[in-house]
Structure formats: C-alpha cells, structure tokens
C-alpha cells in the first residue's frame, strides 16, 4: 500500500509516519510534501498512490486547491485542526476527516476503512467481470438432438453451423447431417464459444472451419460460402464486417 503524506508541519508529519508504520508496517510512505505547489508538481511526475493523508491548511494555501488542479481518483484522509472544512472535504474523494491532534486509534480506523473499501471494490469488480466475460467452462461441449425415435449427442467440434429457417433452428454437422434443435438461434449463440462460432447474420451461426470462401460484395458487405450449404446468399452486413474480420484474425 502506497501512502502519500501532505503536511506542512514537520512534527505532525513525523508523527503520522510513526503511527502509520506502527499499525501498517508494510505501507510504503511518500512525502512529506508541505505546499500546494510541491504537491501539484509531485502528482504531475508520479503515478497516483493508493491513499493520501492530507492536511487542509498548508504553507501556501488550502489543500483543496491541489485537487481543483489535479484530477485524482485516490481516496483521501484529511487532517486538520479545524472542523469547518468537513463538508468540502467529502466532496473531494475523502473517506475520513481527522481532527488534530490525531488519535492513533482514529487513524487506524480510517486506514482500515480504506482497506475494507478497497477489498470490497475488488470483489465487486471481479463479480462484474464474471458477469461481463462468459466463463469458458459454461459453453456447451455437445448438443442433444433427435432423429426420429433416436436421441443423439453431437460434440460441438463436429458442428459446421447452425441456421434458422421458418423459425426453426437447425444444426448441421461436418458430415452434412442436419438436425432440428429446440432452442432458438439467439439461445444457441449464447451457448457456444464465440472464439469458435460467429453470428454471420440473422439466419446463420457458423464455425470457423465451415467457412469455405469469403468474397467482397456490394455496399461494403461480404459474401460467405459454407461447406455442405447450398444457400448462395449468405451475406455479412457492413456493420458486422469489422467484427467478422477481427474474429478471423484472433
């Protein structure tokens, strides 16, 4: 954890450092910066720290001027001998507001609150990533199909493409066999790995191996031919061409 100290009183700065090291020995301390000008210069030359401990009244003015000129996302614990700045402090990324002389327990509580928020934010980000990025293990490895009275399981790697005809979804294998699926083409698209299958248009969802030819077509579109497919008009719209090429090139 990297902590920057902005404090114009050297004894107060030394006390802060001692208290932080006592309760958080692994913390890496930066500073002490004792003015607005030095602080602005520091931020323009260094990456943002994890946490800032900042006195409100500095040698050359009120520290809020720093954050008016330098846009930061770093949480701040403000320290001051006065309480009239509390409302303003919480408008500038403040997670706490400590009055001098600083009680070591209050400082420890404030830093612990920052760490708890950091852990919670990390967990929430991981949850969000899991929601946005499909888990590869959730993709189907095979599809259950019926052929007359017979039920059969088709491995995904044996599938050439899926297509929709008259609101019925079909699965076609690399051997040219065709089966009816109970799911819609939209539902099927969500069940297969997008690294291996691409939605060409509203009627076709194709594997990479099934694509036999790609040709330029009018209005910046592409025309595609698929193995074991007699449809001569499989077109990729101009809007999807870029995504299609990116998929081919990954």
Protein backbone atom coordinates (compact mmCIF):
# COMPACT_ATOMS: atom_id res chain seq x y z
CA UNK A 1 0.00 0.00 0.00
CA UNK A 2 1.49 3.32 -1.13
CA UNK A 3 0.58 6.31 1.05
CA UNK A 4 1.41 9.94 0.25
CA UNK A 5 1.65 12.45 3.12
CA UNK A 6 0.91 16.14 2.52
CA UNK A 7 1.60 18.11 5.70
CA UNK A 8 3.34 21.44 6.27
CA UNK A 9 4.19 20.84 9.93
CA UNK A 10 7.21 18.57 10.19
CA UNK A 11 6.44 17.28 13.73
CA UNK A 12 2.90 16.39 12.63
CA UNK A 13 4.22 14.68 9.52
CA UNK A 14 6.74 12.64 11.54
CA UNK A 15 4.02 11.64 13.99
CA UNK A 16 1.81 10.47 11.13
CA UNK A 17 4.62 8.40 9.67
CA UNK A 18 5.34 6.82 13.03
CA UNK A 19 1.69 5.98 13.63
CA UNK A 20 1.23 4.51 10.16
CA UNK A 21 4.34 2.37 10.41
CA UNK A 22 3.26 1.17 13.84
CA UNK A 23 -0.14 -0.06 12.66
CA UNK A 24 0.66 -0.76 8.99
CA UNK A 25 4.33 -1.82 8.79
CA UNK A 26 4.04 -2.89 5.14
CA UNK A 27 2.91 0.57 3.98
CA UNK A 28 5.23 2.43 1.61
CA UNK A 29 5.32 6.13 2.53
CA UNK A 30 5.93 9.09 0.20
CA UNK A 31 6.39 12.74 1.11
CA UNK A 32 6.34 14.75 3.14
CA UNK A 33 5.00 17.47 0.80
CA UNK A 34 4.46 20.76 2.59
CA UNK A 35 2.84 23.01 -0.02
CA UNK A 36 0.27 23.18 -2.80
CA UNK A 37 2.90 23.87 -5.46
CA UNK A 38 5.10 20.93 -4.43
CA UNK A 39 2.09 18.63 -4.31
CA UNK A 40 0.91 19.57 -7.81
CA UNK A 41 4.42 19.05 -9.14
CA UNK A 42 4.63 15.64 -7.44
CA UNK A 43 1.35 14.45 -8.96
CA UNK A 44 2.43 15.50 -12.45
CA UNK A 45 5.62 13.45 -12.15
CA UNK A 46 4.43 10.34 -10.27
CA UNK A 47 1.66 7.75 -10.51
CA UNK A 48 -1.20 8.13 -8.08
CA UNK A 49 -0.67 6.50 -4.68
CA UNK A 50 -3.19 4.14 -3.09
CA UNK A 51 -4.07 6.59 -0.32
CA UNK A 52 -3.39 10.25 0.54
CA UNK A 53 -3.10 11.73 4.03
CA UNK A 54 -3.52 15.45 3.58
CA UNK A 55 -3.53 18.45 5.90
CA UNK A 56 -6.08 21.04 4.83
CA UNK A 57 -4.14 24.21 5.69
CA UNK A 58 -0.71 24.22 4.03
CA UNK A 59 2.05 26.81 3.93
CA UNK A 60 0.80 28.41 0.70
CA UNK A 61 -2.96 27.94 1.00
CA UNK A 62 -5.81 25.47 1.39
CA UNK A 63 -5.02 21.99 0.05
CA UNK A 64 -8.33 21.78 -1.83
CA UNK A 65 -6.59 23.88 -4.48
CA UNK A 66 -4.44 20.83 -5.29
CA UNK A 67 -7.45 18.74 -6.16
CA UNK A 68 -9.03 21.53 -8.18
CA UNK A 69 -5.99 21.46 -10.47
CA UNK A 70 -5.07 17.77 -10.39
CA UNK A 71 -7.83 15.24 -11.09
CA UNK A 72 -7.34 12.26 -8.81
CA UNK A 73 -9.26 9.08 -8.08
CA UNK A 74 -7.20 8.30 -5.00
CA UNK A 75 -9.05 8.21 -1.64
CA UNK A 76 -8.01 10.94 0.81
CA UNK A 77 -7.94 11.13 4.61
CA UNK A 78 -7.92 14.81 5.53
CA UNK A 79 -6.23 16.02 8.71
CA UNK A 80 -6.77 19.45 10.25
CA UNK A 81 -7.01 21.40 13.48
CA UNK A 82 -10.33 22.88 12.33
CA UNK A 83 -13.69 21.30 11.58
CA UNK A 84 -15.21 23.89 9.24
CA UNK A 85 -13.88 22.15 6.13
CA UNK A 86 -15.60 18.80 6.66
CA UNK A 87 -18.32 19.25 4.03
CA UNK A 88 -15.84 20.41 1.39
CA UNK A 89 -13.50 17.53 2.25
CA UNK A 90 -16.12 14.90 1.47
CA UNK A 91 -16.63 16.44 -1.95
CA UNK A 92 -13.00 15.62 -2.84
CA UNK A 93 -12.65 11.80 -2.57
CA UNK A 94 -12.47 11.97 1.23
CA UNK A 95 -13.01 8.74 3.12
CA UNK A 96 -12.41 10.33 6.54
CA UNK A 97 -11.74 13.62 8.30
CA UNK A 98 -9.43 13.58 11.34
CA UNK A 99 -9.02 16.46 13.77
CA UNK A 100 -5.60 17.26 15.24
CA UNK A 101 -4.10 16.14 17.50
CA UNK A 102 -4.71 12.89 15.70
CA UNK A 103 -5.76 9.95 17.84
CA UNK A 104 -3.77 6.86 16.71
CA UNK A 105 -6.90 4.73 17.02
CA UNK A 106 -8.84 7.11 14.80
CA UNK A 107 -6.07 6.99 12.20
CA UNK A 108 -6.01 3.21 12.34
CA UNK A 109 -9.79 3.10 11.97
CA UNK A 110 -9.65 5.45 8.95
CA UNK A 111 -6.98 3.41 7.15
CA UNK A 112 -8.82 0.18 7.96
CA UNK A 113 -11.95 1.69 6.41
CA UNK A 114 -9.95 2.47 3.28
CA UNK A 115 -8.63 -1.11 3.12
CA UNK A 116 -12.13 -2.52 3.62
CA UNK A 117 -13.46 -0.34 0.79
CA UNK A 118 -10.57 -1.43 -1.43
CA UNK A 119 -11.28 -5.12 -0.78
CA UNK A 120 -15.00 -4.62 -1.39
CA UNK A 121 -14.31 -2.73 -4.64
CA UNK A 122 -12.00 -5.52 -5.81
CA UNK A 123 -14.63 -8.15 -5.08
CA UNK A 124 -17.31 -6.11 -6.85
CA UNK A 125 -15.02 -5.68 -9.87
CA UNK A 126 -14.38 -9.43 -10.00
CA UNK A 127 -18.11 -10.10 -9.84
CA UNK A 128 -18.71 -7.58 -12.63
CA UNK A 129 -16.02 -9.19 -14.78
CA UNK A 130 -17.62 -12.59 -14.27
CA UNK A 131 -20.94 -11.16 -15.41
CA UNK A 132 -19.49 -9.46 -18.48
CA UNK A 133 -16.98 -12.12 -19.53
CA UNK A 134 -18.50 -15.56 -20.02
CA UNK A 135 -16.81 -18.42 -18.25
CA UNK A 136 -15.39 -20.67 -20.95
CA UNK A 137 -16.41 -23.73 -18.92
CA UNK A 138 -20.06 -22.65 -19.30
CA UNK A 139 -20.08 -23.13 -23.08
CA UNK A 140 -21.74 -26.30 -24.30
CA UNK A 141 -19.45 -29.12 -25.41
CA UNK A 142 -22.27 -31.06 -27.12
CA UNK A 143 -25.88 -30.73 -28.24
CA UNK A 144 -28.68 -33.25 -27.73
CA UNK A 145 -30.70 -33.85 -30.93
CA UNK A 146 -33.49 -36.15 -32.06
CA UNK A 147 -33.66 -38.07 -35.31
CA UNK A 148 -36.96 -39.89 -35.48
CA UNK A 149 -37.12 -42.03 -32.35
CA UNK A 150 -33.36 -41.83 -31.89
CA UNK A 151 -31.67 -39.40 -29.48
CA UNK A 152 -28.10 -38.44 -30.23
CA UNK A 153 -25.42 -36.19 -28.67
CA UNK A 154 -23.40 -34.13 -31.16
CA UNK A 155 -19.99 -32.80 -29.97
CA UNK A 156 -19.58 -29.09 -30.64
CA UNK A 157 -16.35 -29.68 -32.56
CA UNK A 158 -18.34 -31.79 -35.07
CA UNK A 159 -20.74 -28.93 -35.91
CA UNK A 160 -20.30 -26.88 -39.08
CA UNK A 161 -23.00 -24.30 -38.50
CA UNK A 162 -26.45 -23.53 -37.10
CA UNK A 163 -29.12 -21.87 -39.16
CA UNK A 164 -32.69 -20.69 -38.84
CA UNK A 165 -35.42 -21.48 -41.34
CA UNK A 166 -39.06 -20.52 -40.84
CA UNK A 167 -38.43 -20.00 -37.09
CA UNK A 168 -36.89 -23.46 -36.74
CA UNK A 169 -33.23 -23.82 -35.73
CA UNK A 170 -31.11 -26.49 -37.39
CA UNK A 171 -27.73 -27.95 -36.53
CA UNK A 172 -25.55 -29.14 -39.39
CA UNK A 173 -22.58 -31.40 -38.82
CA UNK A 174 -19.31 -31.51 -40.74
CA UNK A 175 -20.58 -34.74 -42.33
CA UNK A 176 -23.50 -32.81 -43.79
CA UNK A 177 -26.18 -34.23 -41.47
CA UNK A 178 -28.92 -31.87 -40.36
CA UNK A 179 -30.84 -31.95 -37.08
CA UNK A 180 -33.59 -29.84 -35.51
CA UNK A 181 -32.82 -28.01 -32.25
CA UNK A 182 -35.38 -26.95 -29.68
CA UNK A 183 -33.55 -23.70 -28.90
CA UNK A 184 -33.67 -20.50 -30.95
CA UNK A 185 -30.63 -19.30 -32.88
CA UNK A 186 -30.18 -16.50 -30.31
CA UNK A 187 -30.17 -19.01 -27.45
CA UNK A 188 -27.77 -21.25 -29.33
CA UNK A 189 -25.40 -18.34 -29.95
CA UNK A 190 -25.12 -17.78 -26.18
CA UNK A 191 -24.30 -21.46 -25.64
CA UNK A 192 -21.26 -21.74 -27.92
CA UNK A 193 -17.78 -20.32 -27.56
CA UNK A 194 -17.57 -17.03 -29.52
CA UNK A 195 -13.94 -17.81 -30.30
CA UNK A 196 -15.16 -20.73 -32.44
CA UNK A 197 -18.54 -19.54 -33.73
CA UNK A 198 -19.64 -16.26 -35.31
CA UNK A 199 -23.15 -14.96 -35.98
CA UNK A 200 -22.90 -14.16 -39.68
CA UNK A 201 -26.41 -12.73 -39.95
CA UNK A 202 -29.89 -13.32 -38.58
CA UNK A 203 -30.02 -16.77 -40.22
CA UNK A 204 -26.53 -18.26 -39.77
CA UNK A 205 -24.19 -19.01 -36.86
CA UNK A 206 -21.06 -20.59 -38.29
CA UNK A 207 -17.94 -22.32 -37.03
CA UNK A 208 -14.60 -21.16 -38.37
CA UNK A 209 -13.93 -24.49 -40.09
CA UNK A 210 -17.21 -24.34 -42.03
CA UNK A 211 -16.25 -21.19 -43.92
CA UNK A 212 -15.07 -22.15 -47.39
CA UNK A 213 -14.91 -18.76 -49.07
CA UNK A 214 -15.17 -15.04 -48.33
CA UNK A 215 -15.86 -12.54 -51.10
CA UNK A 216 -16.32 -8.79 -51.37
CA UNK A 217 -19.89 -7.76 -52.10
CA UNK A 218 -21.78 -4.55 -52.83
CA UNK A 219 -22.17 -1.77 -50.24
CA UNK A 220 -19.01 -2.87 -48.38
CA UNK A 221 -20.60 -6.17 -47.42
CA UNK A 222 -19.08 -9.65 -47.55
CA UNK A 223 -20.44 -12.82 -49.08
CA UNK A 224 -19.64 -16.16 -47.43
CA UNK A 225 -19.88 -19.74 -48.63
CA UNK A 226 -20.19 -22.59 -46.14
CA UNK A 227 -19.35 -26.26 -46.53
CA UNK A 228 -22.33 -28.50 -47.28
CA UNK A 229 -24.56 -25.45 -47.66
CA UNK A 230 -26.44 -24.63 -50.87
CA UNK A 231 -27.53 -21.16 -49.82
CA UNK A 232 -25.86 -18.76 -52.31
CA UNK A 233 -26.77 -15.57 -50.45
CA UNK A 234 -25.09 -15.69 -47.05
CA UNK A 235 -24.20 -12.03 -46.58
CA UNK A 236 -22.44 -10.20 -43.75
CA UNK A 237 -23.69 -6.66 -43.28
CA UNK A 238 -21.38 -3.67 -43.50
CA UNK A 239 -21.86 -3.10 -39.74
CA UNK A 240 -20.60 -6.59 -38.88
CA UNK A 241 -17.68 -6.79 -41.32
CA UNK A 242 -15.16 -5.29 -38.90
CA UNK A 243 -16.13 -7.69 -36.08
CA UNK A 244 -16.03 -10.61 -38.50
CA UNK A 245 -12.52 -9.77 -39.68
CA UNK A 246 -11.37 -9.33 -36.08
CA UNK A 247 -12.82 -12.75 -35.26
CA UNK A 248 -10.98 -14.32 -38.18
CA UNK A 249 -7.70 -12.69 -37.11
CA UNK A 250 -7.68 -13.58 -33.40
